[in-house]
Amino acid sequence: MGVAAKIAPSMLSSDFANLASEAERMLKFGADWLHMDIMDGHFVPNLTIGAPVIESLRKHTKAYLDCHLMVTNPLDYIEPLAKAGASGFTFHVEVSKDNWQQLIHEIKSKGMKSGVALKPGTPIEEVYPLVESENPVEMVLVMTVEPGFGGQKFMPETMDKVRNLRQRYPSLDIEVDGGLGPSTIDVAASAGANCIVAGSSVFGAPEPSKVISILRKSVEDAQQNS
């Protein structure tokens, strides 16, 4: 058996006015993590949530809050997010070429799990040093759409990156985010992804629990067949 399947509904697709009840609903439906998209309006054009919202949500849930930082200066967010109760902190490789070692150190020293994300156009080789470092990231997030907005179409060409990562690092948490749902999950799972972020496909479904179990089963089946 490989690394555990983790299904992370993307709260960007939830009803922000009822974030606590939406979180509770997703956990009841079988979610492992809650994926929180933090955007600064600069690294990506959209502006979403920050530490105050994470802090508010943390008062209502014990869930693993998987925070994806689409921001230009991730270092500025480490302390506020740690204080707010973030569980995982994933920064983008494109903005951290000079200070990724410091980022990983600070994230872990504040008790959060460190991850690195890359956009569809970024070569996978750019994250290798971060996974192979003495103090490595614990997860790689391969964006399967251009970051910044929900509801985009899955980009199958990004699966080569997932395959490369899985061959190179059999026990690494590999997350995929963007356009994942029942029609695209098998491609991602067979490439080796085990952490699945899904927004519209879960929140827009008549029975979100069914979608979550389809995603999980696909990851588990792919691992058994590999």
C-alpha atoms as a PDB file:
ATOM      1  CA  MET A   1       0.000   0.000   0.000  1.00  0.00           C
ATOM      2  CA  GLY A   2       1.306   3.452  -0.880  1.00  0.00           C
ATOM      3  CA  VAL A   3       0.784   6.808   0.770  1.00  0.00           C
ATOM      4  CA  ALA A   4      -2.684   7.341   2.218  1.00  0.00           C
ATOM      5  CA  ALA A   5      -5.417   8.877   0.084  1.00  0.00           C
ATOM      6  CA  LYS A   6      -6.422  12.311   1.350  1.00  0.00           C
ATOM      7  CA  ILE A   7      -9.462  14.031  -0.118  1.00  0.00           C
ATOM      8  CA  ALA A   8      -9.500  17.803   0.389  1.00  0.00           C
ATOM      9  CA  PRO A   9     -12.624  19.695  -0.689  1.00  0.00           C
ATOM     10  CA  SER A  10     -11.637  23.173  -1.817  1.00  0.00           C
ATOM     11  CA  MET A  11     -13.433  25.645   0.413  1.00  0.00           C
ATOM     12  CA  LEU A  12     -13.126  28.260  -2.351  1.00  0.00           C
ATOM     13  CA  SER A  13     -16.186  26.523  -3.829  1.00  0.00           C
ATOM     14  CA  SER A  14     -18.121  26.576  -0.552  1.00  0.00           C
ATOM     15  CA  ASP A  15     -20.647  29.127   0.680  1.00  0.00           C
ATOM     16  CA  PHE A  16     -18.285  31.610   2.365  1.00  0.00           C
ATOM     17  CA  ALA A  17     -21.148  33.060   4.398  1.00  0.00           C
ATOM     18  CA  ASN A  18     -21.541  29.663   6.089  1.00  0.00           C
ATOM     19  CA  LEU A  19     -17.950  28.483   6.222  1.00  0.00           C
ATOM     20  CA  ALA A  20     -18.200  26.643   9.552  1.00  0.00           C
ATOM     21  CA  SER A  21     -21.254  24.612   8.576  1.00  0.00           C
ATOM     22  CA  GLU A  22     -19.797  23.928   5.112  1.00  0.00           C
ATOM     23  CA  ALA A  23     -16.618  22.594   6.748  1.00  0.00           C
ATOM     24  CA  GLU A  24     -18.633  20.385   9.093  1.00  0.00           C
ATOM     25  CA  ARG A  25     -20.718  19.109   6.167  1.00  0.00           C
ATOM     26  CA  MET A  26     -17.604  18.149   4.162  1.00  0.00           C
ATOM     27  CA  LEU A  27     -16.070  16.271   7.096  1.00  0.00           C
ATOM     28  CA  LYS A  28     -19.339  14.421   7.649  1.00  0.00           C
ATOM     29  CA  PHE A  29     -19.264  13.468   3.951  1.00  0.00           C
ATOM     30  CA  GLY A  30     -15.821  11.871   4.418  1.00  0.00           C
ATOM     31  CA  ALA A  31     -13.293  14.628   3.677  1.00  0.00           C
ATOM     32  CA  ASP A  32      -9.814  14.137   5.206  1.00  0.00           C
ATOM     33  CA  TRP A  33      -8.580  17.708   4.826  1.00  0.00           C
ATOM     34  CA  LEU A  34     -10.103  21.101   4.048  1.00  0.00           C
ATOM     35  CA  HIS A  35      -8.214  22.961   1.317  1.00  0.00           C
ATOM     36  CA  MET A  36      -7.951  26.720   1.901  1.00  0.00           C
ATOM     37  CA  ASP A  37      -6.918  28.949  -1.014  1.00  0.00           C
ATOM     38  CA  ILE A  38      -5.127  32.085   0.129  1.00  0.00           C
ATOM     39  CA  MET A  39      -4.570  34.578  -2.692  1.00  0.00           C
ATOM     40  CA  ASP A  40      -3.066  38.055  -2.481  1.00  0.00           C
ATOM     41  CA  GLY A  41      -4.392  39.666  -5.682  1.00  0.00           C
ATOM     42  CA  HIS A  42      -0.766  39.989  -6.836  1.00  0.00           C
ATOM     43  CA  PHE A  43       0.757  36.536  -7.465  1.00  0.00           C
ATOM     44  CA  VAL A  44      -2.684  35.689  -8.877  1.00  0.00           C
ATOM     45  CA  PRO A  45      -5.329  38.258  -9.886  1.00  0.00           C
ATOM     46  CA  ASN A  46      -7.946  37.010  -7.430  1.00  0.00           C
ATOM     47  CA  LEU A  47      -8.196  38.004  -3.759  1.00  0.00           C
ATOM     48  CA  THR A  48      -9.681  35.449  -1.354  1.00  0.00           C
ATOM     49  CA  ILE A  49      -9.122  34.851   2.350  1.00  0.00           C
ATOM     50  CA  GLY A  50      -6.346  35.285   4.883  1.00  0.00           C
ATOM     51  CA  ALA A  51      -5.406  34.478   8.455  1.00  0.00           C
ATOM     52  CA  PRO A  52      -8.506  36.079  10.076  1.00  0.00           C
ATOM     53  CA  VAL A  53     -10.812  33.671   8.228  1.00  0.00           C
ATOM     54  CA  ILE A  54      -8.608  30.670   9.090  1.00  0.00           C
ATOM     55  CA  GLU A  55      -8.685  31.785  12.738  1.00  0.00           C
ATOM     56  CA  SER A  56     -12.481  32.080  12.692  1.00  0.00           C
ATOM     57  CA  LEU A  57     -12.902  28.675  11.073  1.00  0.00           C
ATOM     58  CA  ARG A  58     -10.429  27.019  13.470  1.00  0.00           C
ATOM     59  CA  LYS A  59     -12.765  27.870  16.374  1.00  0.00           C
ATOM     60  CA  HIS A  60     -15.391  25.624  14.758  1.00  0.00           C
ATOM     61  CA  THR A  61     -13.357  22.657  13.518  1.00  0.00           C
ATOM     62  CA  LYS A  62     -10.472  20.358  14.435  1.00  0.00           C
ATOM     63  CA  ALA A  63      -9.959  19.492  10.748  1.00  0.00           C
ATOM     64  CA  TYR A  64      -6.604  19.573   8.979  1.00  0.00           C
ATOM     65  CA  LEU A  65      -6.580  22.982   7.254  1.00  0.00           C
ATOM     66  CA  ASP A  66      -4.496  22.551   4.117  1.00  0.00           C
ATOM     67  CA  CYS A  67      -3.487  26.129   3.200  1.00  0.00           C
ATOM     68  CA  HIS A  68      -2.287  26.880  -0.332  1.00  0.00           C
ATOM     69  CA  LEU A  69      -0.537  30.251  -0.490  1.00  0.00           C
ATOM     70  CA  MET A  70      -0.845  31.893  -3.902  1.00  0.00           C
ATOM     71  CA  VAL A  71       1.054  34.931  -2.690  1.00  0.00           C
ATOM     72  CA  THR A  72       4.201  36.828  -3.674  1.00  0.00           C
ATOM     73  CA  ASN A  73       5.711  36.969  -0.166  1.00  0.00           C
ATOM     74  CA  PRO A  74       4.885  33.703   1.630  1.00  0.00           C
ATOM     75  CA  LEU A  75       7.333  34.493   4.453  1.00  0.00           C
ATOM     76  CA  ASP A  76       5.008  37.273   5.650  1.00  0.00           C
ATOM     77  CA  TYR A  77       2.175  34.786   6.130  1.00  0.00           C
ATOM     78  CA  ILE A  78       3.872  32.099   8.221  1.00  0.00           C
ATOM     79  CA  GLU A  79       3.442  33.606  11.663  1.00  0.00           C
ATOM     80  CA  PRO A  80      -0.126  34.916  11.160  1.00  0.00           C
ATOM     81  CA  LEU A  81      -1.295  31.583   9.728  1.00  0.00           C
ATOM     82  CA  ALA A  82       0.406  29.531  12.429  1.00  0.00           C
ATOM     83  CA  LYS A  83      -1.291  31.674  15.078  1.00  0.00           C
ATOM     84  CA  ALA A  84      -4.608  31.338  13.236  1.00  0.00           C
ATOM     85  CA  GLY A  85      -4.412  27.528  13.359  1.00  0.00           C
ATOM     86  CA  ALA A  86      -3.325  26.489   9.855  1.00  0.00           C
ATOM     87  CA  SER A  87      -2.214  22.839   9.634  1.00  0.00           C
ATOM     88  CA  GLY A  88      -0.357  22.806   6.328  1.00  0.00           C
ATOM     89  CA  PHE A  89       1.399  25.695   4.580  1.00  0.00           C
ATOM     90  CA  THR A  90       2.116  25.269   0.855  1.00  0.00           C
ATOM     91  CA  PHE A  91       4.074  28.031  -0.894  1.00  0.00           C
ATOM     92  CA  HIS A  92       4.862  28.456  -4.601  1.00  0.00           C
ATOM     93  CA  VAL A  93       8.293  27.530  -5.930  1.00  0.00           C
ATOM     94  CA  GLU A  94       8.087  30.423  -8.437  1.00  0.00           C
ATOM     95  CA  VAL A  95       8.352  33.022  -5.647  1.00  0.00           C
ATOM     96  CA  SER A  96      10.774  31.222  -3.345  1.00  0.00           C
ATOM     97  CA  LYS A  97      13.881  30.480  -5.399  1.00  0.00           C
ATOM     98  CA  ASP A  98      16.070  32.481  -2.975  1.00  0.00           C
ATOM     99  CA  ASN A  99      14.520  31.677   0.390  1.00  0.00           C
ATOM    100  CA  TRP A 100      12.900  28.231   0.263  1.00  0.00           C
ATOM    101  CA  GLN A 101      15.209  26.858   2.951  1.00  0.00           C
ATOM    102  CA  GLN A 102      14.184  29.644   5.321  1.00  0.00           C
ATOM    103  CA  LEU A 103      10.511  29.108   4.441  1.00  0.00           C
ATOM    104  CA  ILE A 104      10.623  25.368   5.168  1.00  0.00           C
ATOM    105  CA  HIS A 105      12.464  25.953   8.436  1.00  0.00           C
ATOM    106  CA  GLU A 106      10.029  28.633   9.649  1.00  0.00           C
ATOM    107  CA  ILE A 107       6.916  26.681   8.603  1.00  0.00           C
ATOM    108  CA  LYS A 108       8.034  23.552  10.452  1.00  0.00           C
ATOM    109  CA  SER A 109       9.266  25.466  13.495  1.00  0.00           C
ATOM    110  CA  LYS A 110       5.726  26.869  13.866  1.00  0.00           C
ATOM    111  CA  GLY A 111       4.291  23.328  13.871  1.00  0.00           C
ATOM    112  CA  MET A 112       2.839  23.334  10.360  1.00  0.00           C
ATOM    113  CA  LYS A 113       3.426  20.807   7.571  1.00  0.00           C
ATOM    114  CA  SER A 114       5.402  22.335   4.680  1.00  0.00           C
ATOM    115  CA  GLY A 115       4.510  21.955   1.024  1.00  0.00           C
ATOM    116  CA  VAL A 116       5.618  23.455  -2.272  1.00  0.00           C
ATOM    117  CA  ALA A 117       3.346  24.142  -5.247  1.00  0.00           C
ATOM    118  CA  LEU A 118       4.105  24.726  -8.896  1.00  0.00           C
ATOM    119  CA  LYS A 119       2.116  26.222 -11.756  1.00  0.00           C
ATOM    120  CA  PRO A 120       1.407  24.176 -14.915  1.00  0.00           C
ATOM    121  CA  GLY A 121       4.182  25.939 -16.857  1.00  0.00           C
ATOM    122  CA  THR A 122       6.907  25.431 -14.226  1.00  0.00           C
ATOM    123  CA  PRO A 123       9.333  22.523 -14.834  1.00  0.00           C
ATOM    124  CA  ILE A 124       9.050  19.779 -12.218  1.00  0.00           C
ATOM    125  CA  GLU A 125      12.843  19.785 -11.734  1.00  0.00           C
ATOM    126  CA  GLU A 126      12.491  23.069  -9.830  1.00  0.00           C
ATOM    127  CA  VAL A 127      10.986  21.298  -6.814  1.00  0.00           C
ATOM    128  CA  TYR A 128      13.517  18.427  -6.612  1.00  0.00           C
ATOM    129  CA  PRO A 129      15.994  20.338  -4.409  1.00  0.00           C
ATOM    130  CA  LEU A 130      13.176  21.136  -1.945  1.00  0.00           C
ATOM    131  CA  VAL A 131      12.207  17.460  -1.631  1.00  0.00           C
ATOM    132  CA  GLU A 132      15.821  16.266  -1.434  1.00  0.00           C
ATOM    133  CA  SER A 133      17.019  18.910   1.043  1.00  0.00           C
ATOM    134  CA  GLU A 134      18.211  17.935   4.537  1.00  0.00           C
ATOM    135  CA  ASN A 135      15.093  19.716   5.782  1.00  0.00           C
ATOM    136  CA  PRO A 136      12.632  18.813   3.010  1.00  0.00           C
ATOM    137  CA  VAL A 137       9.084  19.836   2.155  1.00  0.00           C
ATOM    138  CA  GLU A 138       6.563  17.149   3.077  1.00  0.00           C
ATOM    139  CA  MET A 139       4.255  17.586   0.104  1.00  0.00           C
ATOM    140  CA  VAL A 140       4.365  18.741  -3.507  1.00  0.00           C
ATOM    141  CA  LEU A 141       1.250  20.320  -5.017  1.00  0.00           C
ATOM    142  CA  VAL A 142       1.071  20.008  -8.800  1.00  0.00           C
ATOM    143  CA  MET A 143      -1.396  22.600 -10.101  1.00  0.00           C
ATOM    144  CA  THR A 144      -3.551  20.999 -12.783  1.00  0.00           C
ATOM    145  CA  VAL A 145      -4.999  24.395 -13.809  1.00  0.00           C
ATOM    146  CA  GLU A 146      -3.537  27.920 -13.776  1.00  0.00           C
ATOM    147  CA  PRO A 147      -3.886  29.064 -10.142  1.00  0.00           C
ATOM    148  CA  GLY A 148      -6.209  31.893  -9.197  1.00  0.00           C
ATOM    149  CA  PHE A 149      -9.762  30.828 -10.003  1.00  0.00           C
ATOM    150  CA  GLY A 150     -12.013  27.843  -9.341  1.00  0.00           C
ATOM    151  CA  GLY A 151     -14.033  25.939 -11.922  1.00  0.00           C
ATOM    152  CA  GLN A 152     -11.327  25.549 -14.603  1.00  0.00           C
ATOM    153  CA  LYS A 153     -10.724  22.550 -16.886  1.00  0.00           C
ATOM    154  CA  PHE A 154      -8.213  19.893 -15.818  1.00  0.00           C
ATOM    155  CA  MET A 155      -4.922  19.966 -17.793  1.00  0.00           C
ATOM    156  CA  PRO A 156      -3.925  16.313 -18.489  1.00  0.00           C
ATOM    157  CA  GLU A 157      -0.455  17.372 -19.699  1.00  0.00           C
ATOM    158  CA  THR A 158       0.469  18.126 -16.063  1.00  0.00           C
ATOM    159  CA  MET A 159       0.313  14.393 -15.273  1.00  0.00           C
ATOM    160  CA  ASP A 160       3.880  13.797 -16.493  1.00  0.00           C
ATOM    161  CA  LYS A 161       5.019  15.861 -13.492  1.00  0.00           C
ATOM    162  CA  VAL A 162       3.028  13.682 -11.106  1.00  0.00           C
ATOM    163  CA  ARG A 163       4.448  10.514 -12.699  1.00  0.00           C
ATOM    164  CA  ASN A 164       8.021  11.859 -12.417  1.00  0.00           C
ATOM    165  CA  LEU A 165       7.514  12.753  -8.757  1.00  0.00           C
ATOM    166  CA  ARG A 166       5.978   9.397  -7.860  1.00  0.00           C
ATOM    167  CA  GLN A 167       8.738   7.419  -9.570  1.00  0.00           C
ATOM    168  CA  ARG A 168      11.384   9.501  -7.841  1.00  0.00           C
ATOM    169  CA  TYR A 169       9.736   9.750  -4.395  1.00  0.00           C
ATOM    170  CA  PRO A 170       7.544   6.704  -3.634  1.00  0.00           C
ATOM    171  CA  SER A 171       6.501   7.903  -0.157  1.00  0.00           C
ATOM    172  CA  LEU A 172       5.930  11.610  -0.879  1.00  0.00           C
ATOM    173  CA  ASP A 173       2.511  13.227  -0.474  1.00  0.00           C
ATOM    174  CA  ILE A 174       1.645  14.431  -3.994  1.00  0.00           C
ATOM    175  CA  GLU A 175      -1.339  16.747  -4.245  1.00  0.00           C
ATOM    176  CA  VAL A 176      -3.236  17.769  -7.379  1.00  0.00           C
ATOM    177  CA  ASP A 177      -5.520  20.790  -7.585  1.00  0.00           C
ATOM    178  CA  GLY A 178      -7.727  22.003 -10.406  1.00  0.00           C
ATOM    179  CA  GLY A 179     -10.522  20.413 -12.406  1.00  0.00           C
ATOM    180  CA  LEU A 180     -10.508  17.170 -10.376  1.00  0.00           C
ATOM    181  CA  GLY A 181     -13.715  15.174 -10.249  1.00  0.00           C
ATOM    182  CA  PRO A 182     -15.144  11.745 -11.161  1.00  0.00           C
ATOM    183  CA  SER A 183     -14.253  12.218 -14.860  1.00  0.00           C
ATOM    184  CA  THR A 184     -10.586  13.183 -14.281  1.00  0.00           C
ATOM    185  CA  ILE A 185      -9.611  11.403 -11.058  1.00  0.00           C
ATOM    186  CA  ASP A 186      -8.475   8.109 -12.636  1.00  0.00           C
ATOM    187  CA  VAL A 187      -5.800   9.845 -14.738  1.00  0.00           C
ATOM    188  CA  ALA A 188      -4.455  11.675 -11.676  1.00  0.00           C
ATOM    189  CA  ALA A 189      -4.623   8.636  -9.399  1.00  0.00           C
ATOM    190  CA  SER A 190      -2.865   6.335 -11.873  1.00  0.00           C
ATOM    191  CA  ALA A 191      -0.127   8.960 -12.335  1.00  0.00           C
ATOM    192  CA  GLY A 192       0.509   8.708  -8.584  1.00  0.00           C
ATOM    193  CA  ALA A 193      -1.383  11.566  -6.905  1.00  0.00           C
ATOM    194  CA  ASN A 194      -2.687  10.722  -3.413  1.00  0.00           C
ATOM    195  CA  CYS A 195      -3.905  14.106  -2.099  1.00  0.00           C
ATOM    196  CA  ILE A 196      -6.877  15.260  -4.147  1.00  0.00           C
ATOM    197  CA  VAL A 197      -8.244  18.797  -4.031  1.00  0.00           C
ATOM    198  CA  ALA A 198     -11.753  19.055  -5.479  1.00  0.00           C
ATOM    199  CA  GLY A 199     -13.964  22.131  -5.482  1.00  0.00           C
ATOM    200  CA  SER A 200     -16.883  22.442  -7.875  1.00  0.00           C
ATOM    201  CA  SER A 201     -17.110  18.673  -8.437  1.00  0.00           C
ATOM    202  CA  VAL A 202     -17.776  18.114  -4.708  1.00  0.00           C
ATOM    203  CA  PHE A 203     -19.712  21.234  -3.736  1.00  0.00           C
ATOM    204  CA  GLY A 204     -21.763  21.224  -6.934  1.00  0.00           C
ATOM    205  CA  ALA A 205     -22.743  17.559  -6.623  1.00  0.00           C
ATOM    206  CA  PRO A 206     -26.226  16.448  -5.500  1.00  0.00           C
ATOM    207  CA  GLU A 207     -24.452  13.943  -3.212  1.00  0.00           C
ATOM    208  CA  PRO A 208     -20.968  15.228  -2.290  1.00  0.00           C
ATOM    209  CA  SER A 209     -20.280  12.123  -0.159  1.00  0.00           C
ATOM    210  CA  LYS A 210     -20.542   9.960  -3.303  1.00  0.00           C
ATOM    211  CA  VAL A 211     -18.005  12.120  -5.131  1.00  0.00           C
ATOM    212  CA  ILE A 212     -15.599  12.026  -2.174  1.00  0.00           C
ATOM    213  CA  SER A 213     -15.803   8.227  -2.027  1.00  0.00           C
ATOM    214  CA  ILE A 214     -15.273   7.942  -5.829  1.00  0.00           C
ATOM    215  CA  LEU A 215     -12.116  10.070  -5.512  1.00  0.00           C
ATOM    216  CA  ARG A 216     -10.802   8.015  -2.600  1.00  0.00           C
ATOM    217  CA  LYS A 217     -11.546   4.665  -4.254  1.00  0.00           C
ATOM    218  CA  SER A 218      -9.746   5.738  -7.425  1.00  0.00           C
ATOM    219  CA  VAL A 219      -6.556   6.620  -5.470  1.00  0.00           C
ATOM    220  CA  GLU A 220      -6.698   3.361  -3.495  1.00  0.00           C
ATOM    221  CA  ASP A 221      -7.365   1.234  -6.591  1.00  0.00           C
ATOM    222  CA  ALA A 222      -4.515   2.875  -8.521  1.00  0.00           C
ATOM    223  CA  GLN A 223      -2.106   2.161  -5.649  1.00  0.00           C
ATOM    224  CA  GLN A 224      -3.140  -1.490  -5.483  1.00  0.00           C
ATOM    225  CA  ASN A 225      -2.674  -1.874  -9.232  1.00  0.00           C
ATOM    226  CA  SER A 226       0.689  -0.112  -9.425  1.00  0.00           C
END
